[in-house]
């Protein structure tokens, strides 16, 4: 395999990864009523799972409790993020 082929394959792989990431992001954005469990919600907010549990223990955090299960609506998490942004920006 020549240098040109190695470069082409590397570029293909990077493009493939970027397309997959963009598609996943688009799918998340297009499903505002999506219900997420703790791990998925933590990944969505880009925080650790243990931090997600800490947040869920706050009565003002948007969580749905079904027995021992914790569920989160994507639109509620987005609204919560907007409030947090406003607080940190002093608005």
N, C-alpha and C. Protein backbone atom coordinates (compact mmCIF):
# COMPACT_ATOMS: atom_id res chain seq x y z
N UNK A 1 0.85 -1.17 0.00
CA UNK A 1 0.00 0.00 0.00
C UNK A 1 0.90 1.23 0.00
N UNK A 2 0.68 2.10 -0.99
CA UNK A 2 1.49 3.29 -1.11
C UNK A 2 1.05 4.40 -0.17
N UNK A 3 1.85 5.43 -0.12
CA UNK A 3 1.57 6.58 0.75
C UNK A 3 0.24 7.23 0.39
N UNK A 4 -0.05 7.35 -0.92
CA UNK A 4 -1.32 7.94 -1.35
C UNK A 4 -2.51 7.14 -0.81
N UNK A 5 -2.42 5.84 -0.87
CA UNK A 5 -3.52 4.99 -0.39
C UNK A 5 -3.68 5.11 1.13
N UNK A 6 -2.58 5.20 1.84
CA UNK A 6 -2.64 5.36 3.30
C UNK A 6 -3.31 6.68 3.66
N UNK A 7 -2.94 7.74 2.95
CA UNK A 7 -3.54 9.06 3.21
C UNK A 7 -5.02 9.03 2.88
N UNK A 8 -5.38 8.45 1.74
CA UNK A 8 -6.79 8.38 1.35
C UNK A 8 -7.60 7.61 2.39
N UNK A 9 -7.08 6.50 2.85
CA UNK A 9 -7.79 5.69 3.84
C UNK A 9 -7.93 6.45 5.16
N UNK A 10 -6.89 7.17 5.55
CA UNK A 10 -6.95 7.97 6.78
C UNK A 10 -8.00 9.06 6.66
N UNK A 11 -8.03 9.73 5.53
CA UNK A 11 -9.03 10.79 5.31
C UNK A 11 -10.43 10.19 5.32
N UNK A 12 -10.61 9.05 4.66
CA UNK A 12 -11.93 8.39 4.65
C UNK A 12 -12.39 8.09 6.07
N UNK A 13 -11.49 7.59 6.89
CA UNK A 13 -11.84 7.23 8.27
C UNK A 13 -12.25 8.46 9.07
N UNK A 14 -11.49 9.54 8.92
CA UNK A 14 -11.81 10.78 9.63
C UNK A 14 -13.16 11.32 9.16
N UNK A 15 -13.39 11.34 7.87
CA UNK A 15 -14.67 11.82 7.33
C UNK A 15 -15.81 10.95 7.83
N UNK A 16 -15.62 9.65 7.83
CA UNK A 16 -16.65 8.71 8.31
C UNK A 16 -16.99 9.00 9.77
N UNK A 17 -15.98 9.19 10.60
CA UNK A 17 -16.21 9.48 12.02
C UNK A 17 -16.94 10.81 12.21
N UNK A 18 -16.56 11.81 11.45
CA UNK A 18 -17.21 13.13 11.57
C UNK A 18 -18.66 13.06 11.12
N UNK A 19 -18.93 12.33 10.06
CA UNK A 19 -20.31 12.18 9.59
C UNK A 19 -21.14 11.45 10.63
N UNK A 20 -20.60 10.41 11.22
CA UNK A 20 -21.34 9.68 12.26
C UNK A 20 -21.62 10.57 13.46
N UNK A 21 -20.65 11.38 13.87
CA UNK A 21 -20.85 12.28 15.00
C UNK A 21 -21.90 13.34 14.68
N UNK A 22 -21.85 13.89 13.47
CA UNK A 22 -22.83 14.90 13.07
C UNK A 22 -24.22 14.30 12.99
N UNK A 23 -24.33 13.09 12.47
CA UNK A 23 -25.62 12.42 12.38
C UNK A 23 -26.18 12.13 13.76
N UNK A 24 -25.36 11.67 14.67
CA UNK A 24 -25.81 11.40 16.04
C UNK A 24 -26.29 12.69 16.70
N UNK A 25 -25.55 13.77 16.50
CA UNK A 25 -25.94 15.06 17.06
C UNK A 25 -27.26 15.53 16.47
N UNK A 26 -27.42 15.39 15.18
CA UNK A 26 -28.66 15.79 14.52
C UNK A 26 -29.83 14.96 15.03
N UNK A 27 -29.64 13.67 15.19
CA UNK A 27 -30.71 12.80 15.67
C UNK A 27 -31.11 13.19 17.09
N UNK A 28 -30.17 13.54 17.93
CA UNK A 28 -30.49 13.97 19.28
C UNK A 28 -31.28 15.27 19.25
N UNK A 29 -30.88 16.19 18.38
CA UNK A 29 -31.57 17.48 18.31
C UNK A 29 -32.97 17.34 17.76
N UNK A 30 -33.20 16.36 16.91
CA UNK A 30 -34.51 16.22 16.28
C UNK A 30 -35.47 15.39 17.12
N UNK A 31 -35.10 14.99 18.32
CA UNK A 31 -35.96 14.20 19.19
C UNK A 31 -36.10 14.87 20.56
N UNK A 32 -36.77 16.03 20.62
CA UNK A 32 -36.83 16.75 21.89
C UNK A 32 -37.60 16.00 22.98
N UNK A 33 -38.50 15.10 22.61
CA UNK A 33 -39.26 14.35 23.61
C UNK A 33 -38.61 13.01 23.95
N UNK A 34 -37.39 12.84 23.51
CA UNK A 34 -36.68 11.60 23.75
C UNK A 34 -36.48 11.38 25.25
N UNK A 35 -36.76 10.17 25.69
CA UNK A 35 -36.57 9.81 27.10
C UNK A 35 -35.22 9.13 27.23
N UNK A 36 -34.43 9.59 28.20
CA UNK A 36 -33.09 9.05 28.40
C UNK A 36 -32.95 8.50 29.80
N UNK A 37 -32.13 7.47 29.91
CA UNK A 37 -31.77 6.94 31.23
C UNK A 37 -30.52 7.68 31.70
N UNK A 38 -30.06 7.33 32.88
CA UNK A 38 -28.98 8.10 33.52
C UNK A 38 -27.72 8.17 32.65
N UNK A 39 -27.24 7.06 32.15
CA UNK A 39 -25.99 7.06 31.38
C UNK A 39 -26.11 7.91 30.12
N UNK A 40 -27.23 7.76 29.43
CA UNK A 40 -27.43 8.51 28.19
C UNK A 40 -27.57 10.01 28.48
N UNK A 41 -28.29 10.35 29.54
CA UNK A 41 -28.45 11.76 29.91
C UNK A 41 -27.11 12.37 30.32
N UNK A 42 -26.31 11.61 31.05
CA UNK A 42 -24.99 12.09 31.45
C UNK A 42 -24.12 12.33 30.22
N UNK A 43 -24.17 11.42 29.27
CA UNK A 43 -23.40 11.60 28.04
C UNK A 43 -23.90 12.81 27.27
N UNK A 44 -25.21 13.00 27.23
CA UNK A 44 -25.80 14.14 26.54
C UNK A 44 -25.32 15.46 27.16
N UNK A 45 -25.25 15.50 28.49
CA UNK A 45 -24.80 16.71 29.18
C UNK A 45 -23.28 16.78 29.30
N UNK A 46 -22.61 15.71 28.87
CA UNK A 46 -21.15 15.63 28.93
C UNK A 46 -20.64 15.74 30.37
N UNK A 47 -21.28 14.97 31.25
CA UNK A 47 -20.88 14.93 32.66
C UNK A 47 -20.76 13.47 33.09
N UNK A 48 -20.16 13.25 34.24
CA UNK A 48 -20.01 11.90 34.77
C UNK A 48 -21.36 11.39 35.28
N UNK A 49 -21.52 10.08 35.27
CA UNK A 49 -22.76 9.46 35.74
C UNK A 49 -23.00 9.80 37.21
N UNK A 50 -21.95 9.79 38.02
CA UNK A 50 -22.12 10.12 39.44
C UNK A 50 -22.62 11.56 39.61
N UNK A 51 -22.17 12.47 38.76
CA UNK A 51 -22.66 13.86 38.80
C UNK A 51 -24.14 13.92 38.40
N UNK A 52 -24.54 13.05 37.47
CA UNK A 52 -25.94 13.00 37.05
C UNK A 52 -26.83 12.60 38.22
N UNK A 53 -26.38 11.63 39.00
CA UNK A 53 -27.14 11.22 40.19
C UNK A 53 -27.21 12.37 41.20
N UNK A 54 -26.12 13.10 41.36
CA UNK A 54 -26.12 14.25 42.27
C UNK A 54 -27.15 15.29 41.83
N UNK A 55 -27.14 15.60 40.54
CA UNK A 55 -28.10 16.57 40.02
C UNK A 55 -29.54 16.08 40.21
N UNK A 56 -29.75 14.80 39.96
CA UNK A 56 -31.10 14.23 40.07
C UNK A 56 -31.63 14.28 41.50
N UNK A 57 -30.74 14.36 42.48
CA UNK A 57 -31.18 14.43 43.87
C UNK A 57 -31.69 15.83 44.23
N UNK A 58 -31.41 16.81 43.38
CA UNK A 58 -31.90 18.17 43.58
C UNK A 58 -33.36 18.24 43.14
N UNK A 59 -34.27 18.70 44.02
CA UNK A 59 -35.69 18.74 43.67
C UNK A 59 -36.00 19.65 42.48
N UNK A 60 -35.12 20.58 42.15
CA UNK A 60 -35.37 21.48 41.03
C UNK A 60 -34.84 20.95 39.70
N UNK A 61 -34.17 19.83 39.74
CA UNK A 61 -33.63 19.24 38.51
C UNK A 61 -34.71 18.41 37.83
N UNK A 62 -34.84 18.51 36.50
CA UNK A 62 -35.91 17.82 35.79
C UNK A 62 -35.67 16.31 35.65
N UNK A 63 -36.26 15.54 36.53
CA UNK A 63 -36.11 14.09 36.51
C UNK A 63 -37.48 13.45 36.68
N UNK A 64 -37.67 12.33 36.02
CA UNK A 64 -38.89 11.54 36.18
C UNK A 64 -38.49 10.29 36.93
N UNK A 65 -39.14 10.03 38.03
CA UNK A 65 -38.83 8.85 38.83
C UNK A 65 -39.90 7.79 38.59
N UNK A 66 -39.45 6.63 38.16
CA UNK A 66 -40.33 5.47 37.98
C UNK A 66 -39.79 4.38 38.88
N UNK A 67 -40.31 4.30 40.08
CA UNK A 67 -39.74 3.36 41.04
C UNK A 67 -38.31 3.77 41.32
N UNK A 68 -37.38 2.86 41.06
CA UNK A 68 -35.96 3.17 41.27
C UNK A 68 -35.29 3.74 40.02
N UNK A 69 -36.02 3.73 38.91
CA UNK A 69 -35.46 4.24 37.65
C UNK A 69 -35.54 5.75 37.59
N UNK A 70 -34.50 6.36 37.07
CA UNK A 70 -34.49 7.79 36.81
C UNK A 70 -34.52 8.00 35.30
N UNK A 71 -35.46 8.81 34.85
CA UNK A 71 -35.61 9.09 33.42
C UNK A 71 -35.56 10.60 33.20
N UNK A 72 -35.09 10.99 32.03
CA UNK A 72 -34.93 12.40 31.72
C UNK A 72 -35.44 12.66 30.31
N UNK A 73 -36.20 13.74 30.14
CA UNK A 73 -36.62 14.16 28.81
C UNK A 73 -35.56 15.12 28.26
N UNK A 74 -35.19 14.90 27.01
CA UNK A 74 -34.17 15.73 26.39
C UNK A 74 -34.57 17.20 26.43
N UNK A 75 -35.83 17.51 26.13
CA UNK A 75 -36.25 18.91 26.12
C UNK A 75 -36.13 19.54 27.50
N UNK A 76 -36.38 18.75 28.56
CA UNK A 76 -36.24 19.28 29.93
C UNK A 76 -34.78 19.55 30.26
N UNK A 77 -33.89 18.67 29.81
CA UNK A 77 -32.46 18.89 30.05
C UNK A 77 -31.97 20.12 29.31
N UNK A 78 -32.47 20.31 28.08
CA UNK A 78 -32.08 21.49 27.31
C UNK A 78 -32.56 22.77 28.00
N UNK A 79 -33.79 22.75 28.51
CA UNK A 79 -34.32 23.92 29.22
C UNK A 79 -33.50 24.20 30.48
N UNK A 80 -33.14 23.14 31.19
CA UNK A 80 -32.32 23.29 32.39
C UNK A 80 -30.97 23.90 32.04
N UNK A 81 -30.38 23.44 30.93
CA UNK A 81 -29.09 23.99 30.49
C UNK A 81 -29.20 25.48 30.19
N UNK A 82 -30.29 25.88 29.55
CA UNK A 82 -30.49 27.30 29.24
C UNK A 82 -30.55 28.14 30.51
N UNK A 83 -31.24 27.63 31.52
CA UNK A 83 -31.32 28.34 32.81
C UNK A 83 -29.93 28.46 33.42
N UNK A 84 -29.15 27.38 33.35
CA UNK A 84 -27.80 27.40 33.92
C UNK A 84 -26.92 28.40 33.17
N UNK A 85 -27.07 28.46 31.85
CA UNK A 85 -26.30 29.42 31.05
C UNK A 85 -26.65 30.84 31.45
N UNK A 86 -27.95 31.10 31.61
CA UNK A 86 -28.39 32.44 31.99
C UNK A 86 -27.83 32.83 33.36
N UNK A 87 -27.79 31.88 34.27
CA UNK A 87 -27.26 32.16 35.61
C UNK A 87 -25.77 32.50 35.55
N UNK A 88 -25.02 31.75 34.77
CA UNK A 88 -23.58 31.98 34.71
C UNK A 88 -23.24 33.24 33.92
N UNK A 89 -24.13 33.62 33.01
CA UNK A 89 -23.90 34.85 32.23
C UNK A 89 -24.44 36.08 32.94
N UNK A 90 -25.06 35.89 34.10
CA UNK A 90 -25.55 37.02 34.87
C UNK A 90 -26.83 37.62 34.34
N UNK A 91 -27.53 36.89 33.49
CA UNK A 91 -28.79 37.41 32.93
C UNK A 91 -29.94 37.17 33.86
